[in-house]
Amino acid sequence: MPFGPKNACGTYARLMRQVYGPQLDRRGLLRFFDDNLILGCTFMQT
């Protein structure tokens, strides 16, 4: 991370945008400051 932990949230958000891309715009993946939440209709889908 450039500039150490000062910019960690922004760096993480950019990385998640690159990795998950179009899935972030759907209802199945929610992004927070420092973590992700993947949703499904059943336990087996997640």
C-alpha atoms as a PDB file:
ATOM      1  CA  MET A   1       0.000   0.000   0.000  1.00  0.00           C
ATOM      2  CA  PRO A   2       1.413   3.379  -0.882  1.00  0.00           C
ATOM      3  CA  PHE A   3       1.729   5.686   2.145  1.00  0.00           C
ATOM      4  CA  GLY A   4       1.159   2.794   4.585  1.00  0.00           C
ATOM      5  CA  PRO A   5      -2.077   2.317   6.559  1.00  0.00           C
ATOM      6  CA  LYS A   6      -3.130   5.932   5.992  1.00  0.00           C
ATOM      7  CA  ASN A   7      -4.638   5.027   2.599  1.00  0.00           C
ATOM      8  CA  ALA A   8      -5.511   1.395   3.355  1.00  0.00           C
ATOM      9  CA  CYS A   9      -9.294   1.790   2.902  1.00  0.00           C
ATOM     10  CA  GLY A  10      -8.949   3.446  -0.487  1.00  0.00           C
ATOM     11  CA  THR A  11      -6.416   0.890  -1.671  1.00  0.00           C
ATOM     12  CA  TYR A  12      -8.641  -1.983  -0.541  1.00  0.00           C
ATOM     13  CA  ALA A  13     -11.697  -0.457  -2.229  1.00  0.00           C
ATOM     14  CA  ARG A  14      -9.784  -0.045  -5.516  1.00  0.00           C
ATOM     15  CA  LEU A  15      -8.527  -3.630  -5.346  1.00  0.00           C
ATOM     16  CA  MET A  16     -12.033  -4.989  -4.737  1.00  0.00           C
ATOM     17  CA  ARG A  17     -13.355  -2.937  -7.674  1.00  0.00           C
ATOM     18  CA  GLN A  18     -10.687  -4.493  -9.918  1.00  0.00           C
ATOM     19  CA  VAL A  19     -11.259  -8.042  -8.653  1.00  0.00           C
ATOM     20  CA  TYR A  20     -15.065  -8.137  -8.485  1.00  0.00           C
ATOM     21  CA  GLY A  21     -15.871  -5.450 -11.065  1.00  0.00           C
ATOM     22  CA  PRO A  22     -19.423  -5.912 -12.402  1.00  0.00           C
ATOM     23  CA  GLN A  23     -20.482  -8.088  -9.453  1.00  0.00           C
ATOM     24  CA  LEU A  24     -20.328  -5.045  -7.171  1.00  0.00           C
ATOM     25  CA  ASP A  25     -23.261  -3.492  -9.012  1.00  0.00           C
ATOM     26  CA  ARG A  26     -25.498  -6.517  -8.434  1.00  0.00           C
ATOM     27  CA  ARG A  27     -27.346  -7.313  -5.221  1.00  0.00           C
ATOM     28  CA  GLY A  28     -25.195 -10.360  -4.345  1.00  0.00           C
ATOM     29  CA  LEU A  29     -22.065  -8.554  -3.160  1.00  0.00           C
ATOM     30  CA  LEU A  30     -21.955  -5.674  -0.708  1.00  0.00           C
ATOM     31  CA  ARG A  31     -18.760  -3.751  -0.059  1.00  0.00           C
ATOM     32  CA  PHE A  32     -17.904  -1.915   3.130  1.00  0.00           C
ATOM     33  CA  PHE A  33     -14.807   0.039   4.137  1.00  0.00           C
ATOM     34  CA  ASP A  34     -12.659  -2.971   4.975  1.00  0.00           C
ATOM     35  CA  ASP A  35     -14.693  -6.082   4.193  1.00  0.00           C
ATOM     36  CA  ASN A  36     -17.166  -7.708   1.791  1.00  0.00           C
ATOM     37  CA  LEU A  37     -20.490  -9.446   2.312  1.00  0.00           C
ATOM     38  CA  ILE A  38     -21.618 -12.055  -0.220  1.00  0.00           C
ATOM     39  CA  LEU A  39     -25.343 -12.809  -0.225  1.00  0.00           C
ATOM     40  CA  GLY A  40     -27.300 -15.802  -1.504  1.00  0.00           C
ATOM     41  CA  CYS A  41     -30.832 -17.189  -1.293  1.00  0.00           C
ATOM     42  CA  THR A  42     -29.657 -20.298   0.561  1.00  0.00           C
ATOM     43  CA  PHE A  43     -26.643 -21.221   2.673  1.00  0.00           C
ATOM     44  CA  MET A  44     -25.309 -23.475  -0.081  1.00  0.00           C
ATOM     45  CA  GLN A  45     -25.256 -20.612  -2.603  1.00  0.00           C
ATOM     46  CA  THR A  46     -22.925 -18.580  -0.427  1.00  0.00           C
END
